[in-house]
Amino acid sequence: MKITLLYGGRSAEHEVSILSAFSVLNAIYYNYYQVQLVFITKEGQWVKGPLLTEKPASKDVLHLSWDPSGQTEEGFTGKVINPGEIKEEGAIVFPVLHGPNGEDGTIQGFLETLNMPYVGAGVLTSACAMDKIMTKYILQAAGVPQVPYVPVLKNQWKENPKKVFDQCEGSLLYPMFVKPANMGSSVGITKAENREELQNALATAYQYDSRAIVEQGIEAREIEVAVLGNEDVRTTLPGEVVKDVAFYDYEAKYINNNPWC
């Protein structure tokens, strides 16, 4: 069977996607699967790379070269294609795209339109789970315990920042964590210990989204469980992320990368 691996993407998590793609390539059973590389540039071009039949020696294989005009393939490792050209009978798509245009239901909807099977959650689940504010509303409606939070729109903050600060400080205690509503990998997330830091944290979050969420900081353990399947649902064993930093930010996750489970 052929796996079409989608990676890269237009979001701020482009580089994280490349790291994730290499992890997937290292876990594939090449006795059973071939992997077709399809890279999406930061500008949104789709580039078809080589077909892999064995584990790559390094992640260099993911860094394709191509003619931006799409006129020639000679001397390049990839070629520019139209997105619809990935449709292929007998193939399954593995989207390893992070953030907006990857995990938010958009690429899932596109694959549904192509009638191609793909790995991961569907359109509705992806859209709801990617949006932190929507996720909060769903958890609240389902009665799932969660930390207190305040959703803040960018225009509300620009029009009346004092009202936003009063609302946050009236509902939450410092430290607070400020996050873009639609972003992952801890991109744009800041810990705020006071009002000045809260103001700077909101400014940072709004670089990535027009909606932000401010959450109560708590002392807690981080336990994660993967859920696999549709009708036949399976789960992994619980895993705890153990870290030696106060805040598990982007640098701790992907640059230093020294936590253990």
C-alpha atoms as a PDB file:
ATOM      1  CA  MET A   1       0.000   0.000   0.000  1.00  0.00           C
ATOM      2  CA  LYS A   2       1.122   3.547  -0.699  1.00  0.00           C
ATOM      3  CA  ILE A   3       1.068   6.222   2.005  1.00  0.00           C
ATOM      4  CA  THR A   4       0.971   9.830   0.804  1.00  0.00           C
ATOM      5  CA  LEU A   5       2.759  11.833   3.479  1.00  0.00           C
ATOM      6  CA  LEU A   6       1.685  15.494   3.603  1.00  0.00           C
ATOM      7  CA  TYR A   7       4.044  17.756   5.538  1.00  0.00           C
ATOM      8  CA  GLY A   8       5.274  21.347   5.774  1.00  0.00           C
ATOM      9  CA  GLY A   9       2.302  23.672   5.432  1.00  0.00           C
ATOM     10  CA  ARG A  10       1.565  27.370   5.648  1.00  0.00           C
ATOM     11  CA  SER A  11       1.296  27.731   9.430  1.00  0.00           C
ATOM     12  CA  ALA A  12       3.867  28.932  11.945  1.00  0.00           C
ATOM     13  CA  GLU A  13       4.391  25.263  12.834  1.00  0.00           C
ATOM     14  CA  HIS A  14       5.934  24.490   9.443  1.00  0.00           C
ATOM     15  CA  GLU A  15       9.292  23.397  10.875  1.00  0.00           C
ATOM     16  CA  VAL A  16       7.631  21.226  13.535  1.00  0.00           C
ATOM     17  CA  SER A  17       5.746  19.426  10.772  1.00  0.00           C
ATOM     18  CA  ILE A  18       9.035  18.496   9.092  1.00  0.00           C
ATOM     19  CA  LEU A  19      10.337  17.033  12.364  1.00  0.00           C
ATOM     20  CA  SER A  20       7.120  15.057  12.782  1.00  0.00           C
ATOM     21  CA  ALA A  21       7.300  13.787   9.206  1.00  0.00           C
ATOM     22  CA  PHE A  22      10.786  12.403   9.822  1.00  0.00           C
ATOM     23  CA  SER A  23       9.531  10.625  12.944  1.00  0.00           C
ATOM     24  CA  VAL A  24       6.752   9.019  10.887  1.00  0.00           C
ATOM     25  CA  LEU A  25       9.226   7.930   8.205  1.00  0.00           C
ATOM     26  CA  ASN A  26      11.328   6.212  10.853  1.00  0.00           C
ATOM     27  CA  ALA A  27       8.311   4.279  12.172  1.00  0.00           C
ATOM     28  CA  ILE A  28       6.971   2.986   8.829  1.00  0.00           C
ATOM     29  CA  TYR A  29       7.154  -0.742   8.051  1.00  0.00           C
ATOM     30  CA  TYR A  30       8.642  -0.538   4.571  1.00  0.00           C
ATOM     31  CA  ASN A  31       8.009  -4.242   3.992  1.00  0.00           C
ATOM     32  CA  TYR A  32       4.326  -3.329   3.730  1.00  0.00           C
ATOM     33  CA  TYR A  33       4.222   0.338   2.733  1.00  0.00           C
ATOM     34  CA  GLN A  34       5.751   2.782   0.280  1.00  0.00           C
ATOM     35  CA  VAL A  35       5.762   6.476   1.160  1.00  0.00           C
ATOM     36  CA  GLN A  36       5.079   9.219  -1.364  1.00  0.00           C
ATOM     37  CA  LEU A  37       6.409  12.565  -0.099  1.00  0.00           C
ATOM     38  CA  VAL A  38       4.247  15.637  -0.735  1.00  0.00           C
ATOM     39  CA  PHE A  39       5.600  18.885   0.695  1.00  0.00           C
ATOM     40  CA  ILE A  40       3.512  22.042   1.153  1.00  0.00           C
ATOM     41  CA  THR A  41       5.590  25.231   1.167  1.00  0.00           C
ATOM     42  CA  LYS A  42       5.033  28.196   3.470  1.00  0.00           C
ATOM     43  CA  GLU A  43       3.516  29.953   0.453  1.00  0.00           C
ATOM     44  CA  GLY A  44       1.092  27.099  -0.175  1.00  0.00           C
ATOM     45  CA  GLN A  45       2.713  25.418  -3.182  1.00  0.00           C
ATOM     46  CA  TRP A  46       2.402  21.617  -3.296  1.00  0.00           C
ATOM     47  CA  VAL A  47       5.596  19.783  -4.254  1.00  0.00           C
ATOM     48  CA  LYS A  48       5.684  16.059  -5.024  1.00  0.00           C
ATOM     49  CA  GLY A  49       8.897  14.394  -3.912  1.00  0.00           C
ATOM     50  CA  PRO A  50      10.362  10.910  -4.296  1.00  0.00           C
ATOM     51  CA  LEU A  51       8.653   7.612  -3.515  1.00  0.00           C
ATOM     52  CA  LEU A  52      10.436   6.017  -0.549  1.00  0.00           C
ATOM     53  CA  THR A  53      10.730   2.247  -0.313  1.00  0.00           C
ATOM     54  CA  GLU A  54      13.124   2.155   2.640  1.00  0.00           C
ATOM     55  CA  LYS A  55      13.906   4.138   5.764  1.00  0.00           C
ATOM     56  CA  PRO A  56      15.772   7.353   4.892  1.00  0.00           C
ATOM     57  CA  ALA A  57      19.258   7.908   6.291  1.00  0.00           C
ATOM     58  CA  SER A  58      18.483  11.480   7.382  1.00  0.00           C
ATOM     59  CA  LYS A  59      15.776  14.103   7.269  1.00  0.00           C
ATOM     60  CA  ASP A  60      17.544  15.725   4.309  1.00  0.00           C
ATOM     61  CA  VAL A  61      15.220  13.686   2.083  1.00  0.00           C
ATOM     62  CA  LEU A  62      12.380  15.912   3.283  1.00  0.00           C
ATOM     63  CA  HIS A  63      14.064  19.126   2.136  1.00  0.00           C
ATOM     64  CA  LEU A  64      13.044  19.057  -1.527  1.00  0.00           C
ATOM     65  CA  SER A  65      14.204  21.266  -4.348  1.00  0.00           C
ATOM     66  CA  TRP A  66      11.946  22.292  -7.226  1.00  0.00           C
ATOM     67  CA  ASP A  67      11.398  24.681 -10.071  1.00  0.00           C
ATOM     68  CA  PRO A  68       8.855  27.222  -8.728  1.00  0.00           C
ATOM     69  CA  SER A  69       7.463  27.706 -12.239  1.00  0.00           C
ATOM     70  CA  GLY A  70       6.792  23.982 -12.518  1.00  0.00           C
ATOM     71  CA  GLN A  71       8.288  23.959 -16.024  1.00  0.00           C
ATOM     72  CA  THR A  72      10.977  21.348 -15.436  1.00  0.00           C
ATOM     73  CA  GLU A  73      11.899  18.475 -13.117  1.00  0.00           C
ATOM     74  CA  GLU A  74      15.466  18.074 -14.316  1.00  0.00           C
ATOM     75  CA  GLY A  75      18.012  18.607 -11.566  1.00  0.00           C
ATOM     76  CA  PHE A  76      15.353  18.824  -8.831  1.00  0.00           C
ATOM     77  CA  THR A  77      14.140  16.349  -6.188  1.00  0.00           C
ATOM     78  CA  GLY A  78      10.536  17.487  -6.433  1.00  0.00           C
ATOM     79  CA  LYS A  79       8.014  18.973  -8.827  1.00  0.00           C
ATOM     80  CA  VAL A  80       5.192  21.445  -8.316  1.00  0.00           C
ATOM     81  CA  ILE A  81       1.734  19.865  -8.608  1.00  0.00           C
ATOM     82  CA  ASN A  82      -1.884  20.887  -8.243  1.00  0.00           C
ATOM     83  CA  PRO A  83      -3.281  19.667  -4.894  1.00  0.00           C
ATOM     84  CA  GLY A  84      -5.850  17.456  -6.607  1.00  0.00           C
ATOM     85  CA  GLU A  85      -3.061  15.491  -8.281  1.00  0.00           C
ATOM     86  CA  ILE A  86      -2.418  13.567  -5.062  1.00  0.00           C
ATOM     87  CA  LYS A  87      -5.607  11.568  -5.688  1.00  0.00           C
ATOM     88  CA  GLU A  88      -4.613   7.987  -6.356  1.00  0.00           C
ATOM     89  CA  GLU A  89      -6.450   4.683  -6.081  1.00  0.00           C
ATOM     90  CA  GLY A  90      -5.164   2.414  -3.328  1.00  0.00           C
ATOM     91  CA  ALA A  91      -3.336   5.193  -1.463  1.00  0.00           C
ATOM     92  CA  ILE A  92      -4.009   6.580   2.005  1.00  0.00           C
ATOM     93  CA  VAL A  93      -3.045  10.104   3.044  1.00  0.00           C
ATOM     94  CA  PHE A  94      -1.119  10.703   6.267  1.00  0.00           C
ATOM     95  CA  PRO A  95      -1.383  14.445   7.024  1.00  0.00           C
ATOM     96  CA  VAL A  96       1.494  15.468   9.285  1.00  0.00           C
ATOM     97  CA  LEU A  97       0.569  19.140   9.040  1.00  0.00           C
ATOM     98  CA  HIS A  98       0.501  21.168  12.242  1.00  0.00           C
ATOM     99  CA  GLY A  99      -1.652  24.161  13.082  1.00  0.00           C
ATOM    100  CA  PRO A 100      -4.046  26.111  10.828  1.00  0.00           C
ATOM    101  CA  ASN A 101      -4.623  24.629   7.364  1.00  0.00           C
ATOM    102  CA  GLY A 102      -3.450  21.291   8.729  1.00  0.00           C
ATOM    103  CA  GLU A 103      -5.194  20.291  11.948  1.00  0.00           C
ATOM    104  CA  ASP A 104      -8.250  22.547  11.783  1.00  0.00           C
ATOM    105  CA  GLY A 105     -10.445  20.565   9.395  1.00  0.00           C
ATOM    106  CA  THR A 106      -9.437  22.360   6.188  1.00  0.00           C
ATOM    107  CA  ILE A 107      -7.109  19.689   4.771  1.00  0.00           C
ATOM    108  CA  GLN A 108      -9.486  17.005   6.078  1.00  0.00           C
ATOM    109  CA  GLY A 109     -12.354  18.597   4.147  1.00  0.00           C
ATOM    110  CA  PHE A 110     -10.201  18.717   1.027  1.00  0.00           C
ATOM    111  CA  LEU A 111      -9.373  15.011   1.348  1.00  0.00           C
ATOM    112  CA  GLU A 112     -13.051  14.217   1.884  1.00  0.00           C
ATOM    113  CA  THR A 113     -13.808  16.070  -1.361  1.00  0.00           C
ATOM    114  CA  LEU A 114     -11.197  13.957  -3.149  1.00  0.00           C
ATOM    115  CA  ASN A 115     -12.777  10.855  -1.546  1.00  0.00           C
ATOM    116  CA  MET A 116      -9.369   9.780  -0.268  1.00  0.00           C
ATOM    117  CA  PRO A 117      -8.925   7.892   3.021  1.00  0.00           C
ATOM    118  CA  TYR A 118      -6.697   9.629   5.544  1.00  0.00           C
ATOM    119  CA  VAL A 119      -5.201   9.180   8.977  1.00  0.00           C
ATOM    120  CA  GLY A 120      -6.531  11.176  11.920  1.00  0.00           C
ATOM    121  CA  ALA A 121      -9.702  12.898  13.030  1.00  0.00           C
ATOM    122  CA  GLY A 122     -12.411  14.055  10.624  1.00  0.00           C
ATOM    123  CA  VAL A 123     -13.493  17.562   9.631  1.00  0.00           C
ATOM    124  CA  LEU A 124     -15.742  18.460  12.590  1.00  0.00           C
ATOM    125  CA  THR A 125     -13.516  16.928  15.262  1.00  0.00           C
ATOM    126  CA  SER A 126     -10.406  18.538  13.805  1.00  0.00           C
ATOM    127  CA  ALA A 127     -12.043  21.968  13.594  1.00  0.00           C
ATOM    128  CA  CYS A 128     -13.396  21.852  17.151  1.00  0.00           C
ATOM    129  CA  ALA A 129     -10.270  20.406  18.743  1.00  0.00           C
ATOM    130  CA  MET A 130      -7.929  22.865  17.032  1.00  0.00           C
ATOM    131  CA  ASP A 131      -9.874  25.861  18.332  1.00  0.00           C
ATOM    132  CA  LYS A 132      -9.104  26.138  22.057  1.00  0.00           C
ATOM    133  CA  ILE A 133     -12.113  28.338  22.773  1.00  0.00           C
ATOM    134  CA  MET A 134     -14.520  25.977  21.005  1.00  0.00           C
ATOM    135  CA  THR A 135     -12.915  23.040  22.814  1.00  0.00           C
ATOM    136  CA  LYS A 136     -13.531  24.793  26.128  1.00  0.00           C
ATOM    137  CA  TYR A 137     -17.198  25.344  25.270  1.00  0.00           C
ATOM    138  CA  ILE A 138     -17.640  21.672  24.336  1.00  0.00           C
ATOM    139  CA  LEU A 139     -15.905  20.431  27.488  1.00  0.00           C
ATOM    140  CA  GLN A 140     -18.025  22.797  29.576  1.00  0.00           C
ATOM    141  CA  ALA A 141     -21.242  21.547  27.947  1.00  0.00           C
ATOM    142  CA  ALA A 142     -20.164  17.934  28.556  1.00  0.00           C
ATOM    143  CA  GLY A 143     -19.372  18.610  32.206  1.00  0.00           C
ATOM    144  CA  VAL A 144     -15.660  17.853  31.877  1.00  0.00           C
ATOM    145  CA  PRO A 145     -13.594  19.606  34.598  1.00  0.00           C
ATOM    146  CA  GLN A 146     -11.175  22.233  33.279  1.00  0.00           C
ATOM    147  CA  VAL A 147      -9.201  25.211  34.487  1.00  0.00           C
ATOM    148  CA  PRO A 148     -10.957  28.621  34.570  1.00  0.00           C
ATOM    149  CA  TYR A 149     -10.473  30.684  31.417  1.00  0.00           C
ATOM    150  CA  VAL A 150     -11.368  33.951  29.712  1.00  0.00           C
ATOM    151  CA  PRO A 151     -11.713  34.179  25.891  1.00  0.00           C
ATOM    152  CA  VAL A 152     -10.504  37.526  24.524  1.00  0.00           C
ATOM    153  CA  LEU A 153     -11.021  38.839  20.982  1.00  0.00           C
ATOM    154  CA  LYS A 154      -8.363  41.109  19.533  1.00  0.00           C
ATOM    155  CA  ASN A 155     -10.823  43.923  18.804  1.00  0.00           C
ATOM    156  CA  GLN A 156     -12.081  43.804  22.427  1.00  0.00           C
ATOM    157  CA  TRP A 157      -8.519  44.196  23.672  1.00  0.00           C
ATOM    158  CA  LYS A 158      -7.776  47.067  21.266  1.00  0.00           C
ATOM    159  CA  GLU A 159     -10.986  48.943  22.083  1.00  0.00           C
ATOM    160  CA  ASN A 160     -10.869  48.590  25.878  1.00  0.00           C
ATOM    161  CA  PRO A 161      -7.727  46.903  27.256  1.00  0.00           C
ATOM    162  CA  LYS A 162      -8.529  47.919  30.834  1.00  0.00           C
ATOM    163  CA  LYS A 163     -11.857  46.078  30.688  1.00  0.00           C
ATOM    164  CA  VAL A 164     -10.074  42.964  29.424  1.00  0.00           C
ATOM    165  CA  PHE A 165      -7.459  43.149  32.185  1.00  0.00           C
ATOM    166  CA  ASP A 166     -10.141  43.686  34.826  1.00  0.00           C
ATOM    167  CA  GLN A 167     -12.110  40.714  33.493  1.00  0.00           C
ATOM    168  CA  CYS A 168      -9.055  38.452  33.549  1.00  0.00           C
ATOM    169  CA  GLU A 169      -7.866  39.599  36.973  1.00  0.00           C
ATOM    170  CA  GLY A 170     -11.413  39.422  38.335  1.00  0.00           C
ATOM    171  CA  SER A 171     -11.823  35.790  37.249  1.00  0.00           C
ATOM    172  CA  LEU A 172      -8.286  34.377  37.401  1.00  0.00           C
ATOM    173  CA  LEU A 173      -5.217  34.524  39.576  1.00  0.00           C
ATOM    174  CA  TYR A 174      -1.636  34.962  38.452  1.00  0.00           C
ATOM    175  CA  PRO A 175       0.157  33.189  36.938  1.00  0.00           C
ATOM    176  CA  MET A 176      -1.980  33.030  33.813  1.00  0.00           C
ATOM    177  CA  PHE A 177      -1.224  31.385  30.483  1.00  0.00           C
ATOM    178  CA  VAL A 178      -2.132  33.265  27.313  1.00  0.00           C
ATOM    179  CA  LYS A 179      -2.584  31.292  24.096  1.00  0.00           C
ATOM    180  CA  PRO A 180      -3.665  31.941  20.503  1.00  0.00           C
ATOM    181  CA  ALA A 181      -6.982  30.164  19.996  1.00  0.00           C
ATOM    182  CA  ASN A 182      -5.792  28.345  16.865  1.00  0.00           C
ATOM    183  CA  MET A 183      -2.177  27.298  17.172  1.00  0.00           C
ATOM    184  CA  GLY A 184      -0.285  24.307  18.532  1.00  0.00           C
ATOM    185  CA  SER A 185       3.221  23.253  19.602  1.00  0.00           C
ATOM    186  CA  SER A 186       3.170  26.009  22.265  1.00  0.00           C
ATOM    187  CA  VAL A 187       3.662  28.628  19.520  1.00  0.00           C
ATOM    188  CA  GLY A 188       2.596  32.054  20.782  1.00  0.00           C
ATOM    189  CA  ILE A 189       1.962  30.861  24.348  1.00  0.00           C
ATOM    190  CA  THR A 190       3.248  32.997  27.216  1.00  0.00           C
ATOM    191  CA  LYS A 191       3.151  32.752  30.992  1.00  0.00           C
ATOM    192  CA  ALA A 192       2.081  36.009  32.673  1.00  0.00           C
ATOM    193  CA  GLU A 193       2.877  36.819  36.315  1.00  0.00           C
ATOM    194  CA  ASN A 194       1.457  40.361  36.358  1.00  0.00           C
ATOM    195  CA  ARG A 195      -0.565  42.872  34.328  1.00  0.00           C
ATOM    196  CA  GLU A 196       2.394  44.113  32.296  1.00  0.00           C
ATOM    197  CA  GLU A 197       3.301  40.557  31.310  1.00  0.00           C
ATOM    198  CA  LEU A 198      -0.374  39.852  30.554  1.00  0.00           C
ATOM    199  CA  GLN A 199      -0.438  42.811  28.158  1.00  0.00           C
ATOM    200  CA  ASN A 200       2.724  41.609  26.393  1.00  0.00           C
ATOM    201  CA  ALA A 201       1.403  38.036  26.297  1.00  0.00           C
ATOM    202  CA  LEU A 202      -1.811  39.115  24.578  1.00  0.00           C
ATOM    203  CA  ALA A 203       0.193  41.100  22.019  1.00  0.00           C
ATOM    204  CA  THR A 204       2.229  37.967  21.302  1.00  0.00           C
ATOM    205  CA  ALA A 205      -0.857  35.760  20.962  1.00  0.00           C
ATOM    206  CA  TYR A 206      -2.472  38.185  18.520  1.00  0.00           C
ATOM    207  CA  GLN A 207       0.487  37.821  16.176  1.00  0.00           C
ATOM    208  CA  TYR A 208      -0.901  34.370  15.373  1.00  0.00           C
ATOM    209  CA  ASP A 209      -4.673  34.697  15.763  1.00  0.00           C
ATOM    210  CA  SER A 210      -7.378  37.329  16.240  1.00  0.00           C
ATOM    211  CA  ARG A 211      -8.743  35.304  19.176  1.00  0.00           C
ATOM    212  CA  ALA A 212      -6.881  34.410  22.345  1.00  0.00           C
ATOM    213  CA  ILE A 213      -7.621  32.492  25.511  1.00  0.00           C
ATOM    214  CA  VAL A 214      -6.334  33.327  28.988  1.00  0.00           C
ATOM    215  CA  GLU A 215      -6.189  30.366  31.360  1.00  0.00           C
ATOM    216  CA  GLN A 216      -5.574  29.970  35.059  1.00  0.00           C
ATOM    217  CA  GLY A 217      -2.099  28.585  35.771  1.00  0.00           C
ATOM    218  CA  ILE A 218      -2.080  25.570  38.090  1.00  0.00           C
ATOM    219  CA  GLU A 219       0.379  23.092  39.557  1.00  0.00           C
ATOM    220  CA  ALA A 220      -0.456  19.776  37.921  1.00  0.00           C
ATOM    221  CA  ARG A 221       0.924  16.641  36.312  1.00  0.00           C
ATOM    222  CA  GLU A 222       0.627  16.296  32.546  1.00  0.00           C
ATOM    223  CA  ILE A 223      -0.844  12.948  31.535  1.00  0.00           C
ATOM    224  CA  GLU A 224      -1.601  12.081  27.916  1.00  0.00           C
ATOM    225  CA  VAL A 225      -3.538   9.226  26.309  1.00  0.00           C
ATOM    226  CA  ALA A 226      -3.905   8.553  22.579  1.00  0.00           C
ATOM    227  CA  VAL A 227      -7.293   7.366  21.294  1.00  0.00           C
ATOM    228  CA  LEU A 228      -7.272   5.253  18.122  1.00  0.00           C
ATOM    229  CA  GLY A 229     -10.109   4.064  15.933  1.00  0.00           C
ATOM    230  CA  ASN A 230     -13.685   4.937  15.047  1.00  0.00           C
ATOM    231  CA  GLU A 231     -16.315   2.310  15.959  1.00  0.00           C
ATOM    232  CA  ASP A 232     -13.627   0.023  17.394  1.00  0.00           C
ATOM    233  CA  VAL A 233     -11.896   2.401  19.796  1.00  0.00           C
ATOM    234  CA  ARG A 234      -8.593   1.623  21.468  1.00  0.00           C
ATOM    235  CA  THR A 235      -6.409   3.694  23.771  1.00  0.00           C
ATOM    236  CA  THR A 236      -2.760   3.703  24.653  1.00  0.00           C
ATOM    237  CA  LEU A 237      -1.494   3.429  28.199  1.00  0.00           C
ATOM    238  CA  PRO A 238      -1.339   6.791  29.995  1.00  0.00           C
ATOM    239  CA  GLY A 239       1.973   8.574  29.604  1.00  0.00           C
ATOM    240  CA  GLU A 240       3.298  11.393  31.774  1.00  0.00           C
ATOM    241  CA  VAL A 241       5.498  14.130  30.335  1.00  0.00           C
ATOM    242  CA  VAL A 242       8.247  14.781  32.895  1.00  0.00           C
ATOM    243  CA  LYS A 243      10.161  18.017  32.323  1.00  0.00           C
ATOM    244  CA  ASP A 244      12.801  20.047  34.125  1.00  0.00           C
ATOM    245  CA  VAL A 245      11.415  23.470  33.121  1.00  0.00           C
ATOM    246  CA  ALA A 246       8.646  25.500  34.725  1.00  0.00           C
ATOM    247  CA  PHE A 247       6.889  26.075  31.400  1.00  0.00           C
ATOM    248  CA  TYR A 248       6.879  23.490  28.595  1.00  0.00           C
ATOM    249  CA  ASP A 249       7.236  26.043  25.788  1.00  0.00           C
ATOM    250  CA  TYR A 250       8.254  25.684  22.139  1.00  0.00           C
ATOM    251  CA  GLU A 251      11.969  25.771  22.923  1.00  0.00           C
ATOM    252  CA  ALA A 252      11.666  23.068  25.593  1.00  0.00           C
ATOM    253  CA  LYS A 253       9.607  20.869  23.237  1.00  0.00           C
ATOM    254  CA  TYR A 254      11.560  21.139  20.018  1.00  0.00           C
ATOM    255  CA  ILE A 255      14.914  22.873  20.584  1.00  0.00           C
ATOM    256  CA  ASN A 256      16.238  21.495  23.871  1.00  0.00           C
ATOM    257  CA  ASN A 257      13.864  18.510  23.678  1.00  0.00           C
ATOM    258  CA  ASN A 258      14.915  16.981  26.994  1.00  0.00           C
ATOM    259  CA  PRO A 259      11.681  15.840  28.677  1.00  0.00           C
ATOM    260  CA  TRP A 260      11.027  12.150  29.195  1.00  0.00           C
ATOM    261  CA  CYS A 261       7.892  10.037  29.586  1.00  0.00           C
END
